[in-house]
Protein backbone atom coordinates (compact mmCIF):
# COMPACT_ATOMS: atom_id res chain seq x y z
CA MET A 1 97.89 101.87 109.74
CA PRO A 2 100.86 104.26 109.63
CA PHE A 3 104.48 103.37 109.08
CA THR A 4 105.72 101.41 112.08
CA ASN A 5 109.29 101.81 113.30
CA GLN A 6 111.23 98.59 113.67
CA GLU A 7 111.71 99.29 117.39
CA ASN A 8 107.94 98.96 117.93
CA LEU A 9 107.59 95.57 116.22
CA PRO A 10 106.99 92.34 118.16
CA GLU A 11 110.12 90.28 118.71
CA ASP A 12 109.03 87.56 116.28
CA GLU A 13 108.74 90.03 113.38
CA PRO A 14 111.61 90.40 110.88
CA ARG A 15 114.03 93.16 111.80
CA ALA A 16 113.81 94.89 108.39
CA LEU A 17 110.08 95.62 108.24
CA LEU A 18 108.02 98.80 107.92
CA ARG A 19 104.23 98.99 107.73
CA ARG A 20 102.12 101.58 105.99
CA SER A 21 98.62 102.20 104.60
CA LEU A 22 97.66 104.24 101.53
CA ALA A 23 94.02 104.80 100.59
CA GLY A 24 92.89 101.70 102.43
CA ILE A 25 95.60 99.45 100.98
CA SER A 26 98.14 98.18 103.49
CA PHE A 27 101.79 97.55 102.69
CA GLU A 28 104.65 95.77 104.39
CA VAL A 29 108.08 96.94 103.27
CA ARG A 30 110.71 94.26 103.87
CA CYS A 31 114.42 94.09 103.15
CA ALA A 32 116.40 90.85 102.84
CA THR A 33 119.84 92.45 103.02
CA HIS A 34 119.75 95.46 105.38
CA GLY A 35 117.81 97.21 108.09
CA LEU A 36 115.28 99.83 106.98
CA LYS A 37 115.11 103.49 107.82
CA MET A 38 111.84 105.43 107.58
CA PHE A 39 111.70 108.36 105.15
CA ASP A 40 111.30 111.44 107.33
CA TYR A 41 109.63 114.13 105.20
CA PRO A 42 106.99 116.59 106.50
CA GLY A 43 104.16 115.20 104.38
CA TYR A 44 104.90 111.64 105.43
CA ARG A 45 105.47 112.68 109.04
CA ASP A 46 101.97 114.20 109.26
CA PHE A 47 100.35 111.39 107.30
CA ASN A 48 101.94 108.67 109.43
CA GLY A 49 101.00 110.31 112.72
CA PRO A 50 98.18 109.22 115.03
CA THR A 51 95.25 108.09 112.90
CA ASN A 52 92.31 105.73 112.91
CA LEU A 53 93.04 102.18 111.82
CA PHE A 54 91.07 100.64 108.96
CA PRO A 55 90.05 97.15 110.16
CA SER A 56 88.49 96.14 106.83
CA MET A 57 91.81 96.33 104.95
CA PRO A 58 92.82 93.06 103.24
CA ALA A 59 96.13 91.29 103.70
CA PRO A 60 99.05 93.63 103.00
CA ILE A 61 100.96 93.99 99.75
CA GLU A 62 104.59 93.01 100.26
CA ILE A 63 107.29 95.37 98.99
CA MET A 64 110.36 93.12 98.91
CA CYS A 65 113.61 95.15 98.84
CA ARG A 66 117.23 94.19 98.47
CA VAL A 67 120.42 96.14 97.86
CA ALA A 68 122.29 95.45 94.62
CA SER A 69 125.29 97.16 93.05
CA SER A 70 124.55 100.14 90.80
CA GLY A 71 126.30 98.36 87.94
CA ASN A 72 123.95 95.39 88.12
CA LEU A 73 120.91 97.68 88.20
CA ALA A 74 122.11 99.68 85.20
CA ASN A 75 122.72 96.56 83.14
CA ARG A 76 119.05 95.63 83.43
CA LEU A 77 117.77 98.67 81.58
CA PRO A 78 116.78 98.18 77.93
CA GLU A 79 117.90 100.51 75.15
CA GLY A 80 114.49 102.16 74.92
CA PHE A 81 112.36 103.22 77.88
CA LEU A 82 109.91 105.95 78.87
CA ASP A 83 111.59 108.88 80.60
CA GLY A 84 109.14 110.35 83.08
CA GLY A 85 111.64 112.74 84.63
CA SER A 86 111.86 111.54 88.23
CA TRP A 87 111.15 107.96 87.11
CA GLY A 88 111.31 105.73 84.06
CA TYR A 89 109.25 102.82 82.76
CA TYR A 90 109.47 99.87 80.41
CA ALA A 91 107.51 96.65 79.85
CA ASP A 92 109.26 93.33 80.44
CA GLY A 93 107.08 90.33 79.68
CA ASP A 94 104.37 90.08 82.34
CA ASP A 95 105.96 92.82 84.46
CA ALA A 96 105.70 96.60 84.45
CA VAL A 97 109.17 97.85 85.42
CA PHE A 98 109.78 101.27 86.99
CA PHE A 99 113.05 102.87 88.02
CA ALA A 100 114.43 106.11 89.44
CA PRO A 101 117.48 107.45 87.57
CA GLN A 102 120.39 109.02 89.37
CA PRO A 103 120.96 112.57 88.01
CA HIS A 104 123.81 112.97 85.53
CA SER A 105 124.76 109.29 85.79
CA GLY A 106 123.82 107.74 82.45
CA LEU A 107 122.00 104.46 83.14
CA SER A 108 122.68 104.36 86.89
CA VAL A 109 119.50 104.11 88.96
CA HIS A 110 118.48 104.52 92.59
CA TRP A 111 115.95 101.70 92.51
CA LEU A 112 114.23 99.36 90.05
CA ALA A 113 110.78 97.94 90.85
CA ARG A 114 108.97 95.05 89.18
CA ILE A 115 105.17 95.13 89.37
CA PRO A 116 103.38 92.06 87.91
CA ARG A 117 100.54 93.01 85.58
CA ALA A 118 98.36 90.25 87.02
CA GLU A 119 96.89 90.47 90.52
CA THR A 120 99.83 90.47 92.87
CA ARG A 121 100.59 90.42 96.57
CA SER A 122 104.32 91.04 96.21
CA ILE A 123 106.42 93.68 94.42
CA SER A 124 110.20 93.40 94.20
CA VAL A 125 112.48 96.43 94.47
CA ASP A 126 116.23 96.34 93.82
CA CYS A 127 117.98 99.31 95.42
CA SER A 128 121.38 100.80 94.66
CA GLU A 129 124.05 101.27 97.28
CA ALA A 130 123.45 105.02 96.92
CA LEU A 131 120.33 104.57 99.09
CA LEU A 132 122.34 103.25 102.02
CA ALA A 133 122.78 105.46 105.06
CA ASP A 134 124.99 105.10 108.11
CA ASP A 135 123.35 104.01 111.35
CA HIS A 136 125.96 104.03 114.11
CA GLY A 137 128.50 102.42 111.83
CA GLU A 138 126.07 99.98 110.20
CA PRO A 139 124.70 100.47 106.65
CA ILE A 140 120.91 100.83 106.61
CA LEU A 141 118.54 101.18 103.66
CA ALA A 142 116.70 104.51 103.32
CA ASP A 143 113.23 103.13 102.53
CA PRO A 144 112.63 103.35 98.76
CA PHE A 145 108.85 102.98 99.12
CA ARG A 146 108.20 106.73 98.98
CA TYR A 147 107.47 109.26 96.25
CA PRO A 148 107.43 108.51 93.38
CA LEU A 149 107.42 104.72 93.89
CA ASP A 150 104.56 104.58 96.41
CA GLN A 151 102.44 106.77 94.11
CA ILE A 152 103.24 104.61 91.06
CA VAL A 153 102.38 101.41 92.94
CA LEU A 154 99.13 102.86 94.28
CA VAL A 155 97.92 103.92 90.81
CA ARG A 156 98.65 100.41 89.46
CA LEU A 157 96.86 98.69 92.32
CA LEU A 158 93.75 100.88 92.21
CA ALA A 159 92.99 99.98 88.55
CA ASP A 160 89.18 100.27 88.17
CA ARG A 161 88.64 100.52 91.94
CA GLY A 162 89.84 104.08 92.34
CA LEU A 163 91.72 107.11 91.06
CA LEU A 164 94.56 109.35 92.13
CA LEU A 165 93.61 112.97 91.39
CA HIS A 166 95.36 116.33 91.50
CA ALA A 167 92.88 117.69 94.00
CA ALA A 168 92.36 119.12 97.45
CA GLY A 169 89.99 117.30 99.76
CA ALA A 170 88.10 118.22 102.92
CA VAL A 171 85.65 116.60 105.35
CA ARG A 172 82.77 118.11 107.29
CA GLN A 173 80.04 116.34 109.24
CA GLY A 174 81.28 112.95 108.10
CA ARG A 175 81.20 113.64 104.36
CA SER A 176 83.89 114.82 101.96
CA LEU A 177 84.28 117.21 99.06
CA ILE A 178 87.17 117.21 96.61
CA PHE A 179 88.47 120.15 94.59
CA PRO A 180 90.39 119.02 91.49
CA GLY A 181 92.57 121.47 89.61
CA VAL A 182 95.80 121.78 87.69
CA SER A 183 98.79 123.57 89.18
CA GLY A 184 97.85 127.14 90.09
CA ALA A 185 94.10 126.49 90.13
CA GLY A 186 93.84 127.35 93.82
CA LYS A 187 93.87 123.98 95.65
CA THR A 188 95.93 125.27 98.57
CA THR A 189 94.00 128.55 98.66
CA ILE A 190 90.62 126.81 98.88
CA SER A 191 92.06 124.43 101.49
CA ARG A 192 92.96 127.34 103.75
CA ILE A 193 89.50 128.85 103.27
CA LEU A 194 87.83 125.53 104.10
CA GLU A 195 89.98 125.10 107.20
CA ARG A 196 88.68 128.44 108.48
CA GLU A 197 85.14 127.14 107.89
CA ASP A 198 85.70 124.11 110.15
CA PHE A 199 86.43 121.56 107.44
CA THR A 200 89.06 118.88 108.16
CA LEU A 201 91.66 118.90 105.37
CA LEU A 202 92.76 115.58 103.83
CA SER A 203 95.22 117.06 101.32
CA ASP A 204 95.78 120.20 99.29
CA ASP A 205 97.30 118.48 96.24
CA ARG A 206 96.63 114.72 95.87
CA ILE A 207 93.44 112.86 96.72
CA VAL A 208 92.46 109.24 96.11
CA VAL A 209 88.82 108.45 95.35
CA ARG A 210 87.79 104.82 95.79
CA ARG A 211 84.72 102.93 94.61
CA GLU A 212 82.77 101.49 97.54
CA ALA A 213 79.63 99.38 97.71
CA GLY A 214 77.48 102.46 98.36
CA GLY A 215 79.33 104.98 96.18
CA PHE A 216 82.73 106.68 96.37
CA SER A 217 84.98 107.78 99.22
CA ALA A 218 87.84 110.32 99.35
CA TRP A 219 91.18 109.50 100.99
CA GLY A 220 94.06 111.71 102.05
CA THR A 221 97.60 111.10 100.80
CA PRO A 222 101.16 111.86 102.01
CA TRP A 223 101.91 114.08 98.98
CA PRO A 224 100.79 117.60 100.00
CA GLY A 225 100.94 120.90 98.17
CA GLU A 226 102.19 124.26 99.42
CA GLY A 227 99.87 124.15 102.42
CA GLY A 228 101.37 120.92 103.71
CA TYR A 229 98.02 119.21 104.39
CA ALA A 230 98.41 115.41 104.59
CA ARG A 231 95.98 113.36 106.67
CA ASN A 232 95.51 109.58 106.67
CA GLU A 233 91.71 109.65 106.90
CA HIS A 234 88.74 109.17 104.57
CA ALA A 235 85.02 109.89 104.29
CA PRO A 236 82.14 109.22 101.84
CA LEU A 237 82.34 111.54 98.83
CA ALA A 238 79.48 114.04 98.57
CA GLY A 239 80.66 116.11 95.60
CA VAL A 240 83.40 117.02 93.13
CA CYS A 241 84.09 120.75 92.68
CA PHE A 242 86.44 121.79 89.87
CA LEU A 243 88.20 125.03 90.76
CA LYS A 244 88.07 128.15 88.60
CA LYS A 245 89.36 131.58 89.57
CA GLY A 246 87.03 134.39 88.54
CA SER A 247 85.68 137.83 89.34
CA ALA A 248 82.61 136.52 91.16
CA HIS A 249 81.77 133.55 93.37
CA GLY A 250 79.54 130.81 92.03
CA LEU A 251 78.72 127.11 91.97
CA ARG A 252 77.50 125.54 88.71
CA ARG A 253 76.45 121.91 88.19
CA PHE A 254 78.34 120.00 85.48
CA ALA A 255 76.84 117.28 83.30
CA PRO A 256 79.09 114.16 83.14
CA GLN A 257 80.09 114.80 79.51
CA GLU A 258 80.98 118.42 80.34
CA ALA A 259 83.11 117.35 83.30
CA LEU A 260 84.99 114.60 81.44
CA PRO A 261 87.73 116.75 79.81
CA HIS A 262 88.33 118.50 83.15
CA MET A 263 88.69 115.14 84.91
CA LEU A 264 91.11 113.78 82.32
CA ARG A 265 93.43 116.72 83.01
CA VAL A 266 93.72 115.91 86.73
CA ALA A 267 93.45 112.10 86.87
CA SER A 268 96.57 109.91 87.00
CA VAL A 269 95.87 107.63 84.04
CA PRO A 270 98.88 105.48 82.94
CA TRP A 271 98.67 106.46 79.26
CA TYR A 272 102.19 105.06 78.76
CA ASP A 273 100.83 101.52 79.25
CA PRO A 274 97.81 100.73 77.03
CA ASP A 275 97.05 97.57 79.03
CA ALA A 276 96.55 99.62 82.21
CA VAL A 277 94.31 102.39 80.85
CA GLU A 278 90.90 100.73 80.72
CA GLY A 279 90.40 100.45 84.50
CA PRO A 280 91.01 104.12 85.37
CA LEU A 281 88.83 105.29 82.46
CA GLU A 282 86.01 103.04 83.64
CA CYS A 283 86.39 104.46 87.14
CA ILE A 284 86.25 108.05 85.81
CA ASP A 285 83.02 107.24 83.99
CA ALA A 286 81.47 105.76 87.15
CA LEU A 287 82.61 108.72 89.27
CA LEU A 288 81.15 111.37 86.96
CA LYS A 289 77.84 109.50 86.76
CA GLY A 290 77.63 108.58 90.43
CA VAL A 291 78.72 111.77 92.26
CA PRO A 292 77.47 115.36 91.79
CA VAL A 293 80.06 117.42 89.89
CA TYR A 294 80.32 121.22 90.02
CA GLU A 295 82.44 124.11 88.83
CA LEU A 296 83.38 126.34 91.76
CA THR A 297 84.30 129.89 90.76
CA PHE A 298 85.92 132.00 93.46
CA ARG A 299 88.05 135.09 94.06
CA PRO A 300 91.01 134.04 96.20
CA GLU A 301 91.94 137.54 97.26
CA ALA A 302 88.42 138.37 98.45
CA GLY A 303 87.52 135.15 100.23
CA ALA A 304 84.74 132.78 99.21
CA ALA A 305 82.15 132.92 101.98
CA SER A 306 79.12 132.68 99.69
CA SER A 307 80.54 129.73 97.76
CA ILE A 308 81.49 128.00 101.01
CA ALA A 309 77.88 128.35 102.19
CA GLN A 310 76.71 126.54 99.07
CA LEU A 311 79.36 123.85 99.56
CA MET A 312 78.09 123.23 103.06
CA GLU A 313 74.67 122.51 101.59
CA VAL A 314 76.25 120.08 99.11
CA ALA A 315 78.03 118.24 101.91
CA ARG A 316 74.91 117.65 104.02
C-alpha cells in the first residue's frame, strides 16, 4: 500500500493522515496539530507509485505526529547521546529515543521519536516548527516519516523477523536474488547488467529480507543508490551473492561461517543498543543457513554475461 494523499481518503478519515507500506509492514502517519504533506523525493515517488497491495499485512503501525516548539524539543535531550550524524539516539526508560539534529544549531532538532522497546502499535514523533511548510497560507507539516526515521523504525520493528541490508535486489521468474556489498562494490553496476538481462530491479542500494514460513523473501525499499531503482515489490529469495570486482567472472559457493563476516559488514544491526542486537543476529544466522550464499566476481567494464548465466540457474 503506497502513501495515500489526503485528497484520496474517504470523508470519515482524519484529515491529517498518510498511509504507507515498507517491507510488508503498513504504517499510518497521523498529525494531531496540522495537515500533512507527502515527501516528494525521486526514490519515494517511484516506490509509492502503482504497485500490488499486500492483503496479508497486519493492522498498521501508527506514527503519531505533533508540532512542538524547537525549544521544547531541545530541552528533552540528555547530556550524553549517540551522535549518528544525520540522527541521534539515547535510551529513556522503556523507550528508544531517536532525533534528527538541525545543522549548526546546538541541541535544536527537527524531530524526536519515541519507540517503545516492547511490542508496539504506536510511535510518537514530536516535530519542530522548522518542518512546517506553507500551503496556500496555511502551515502544513512536511511528513517526518522519511529517511532516516522510516529506516530506523523499520529496523526496530523487524527484530528477528528480518534484516535491512546494503544490497541490490532483482527478481526473475518469480524468485529474487540479492547482491550485498559495501559502498563501491558494484551494486548499481550489477543492477544495470541485470536489468539488461530481463530482471526486475527492487533496489540498487537497500534491500529488506524477511523470514517467512517457507524461507526468506526479498523486498524493495524507497532508499535507492545511484541507479535510482526503488520498487515496492517482493519475491521469495533464491540466493545471496556478495559482490567482488575482479579480473575474471566467477560464482563461488560460501559456507555459512565464511559468509558471516561479509554479512556483518552490510547488515543494519543496532550495535548502539545491546537490548536490540540479539534479534538481527539470530536472523543473520538463519539466513546464512537457510539460503544459498555465493561470492560473485565480475568485471564491470567488460560486462558479466557468463556470471549472469550462472545466476539465472540459481534463480530457477
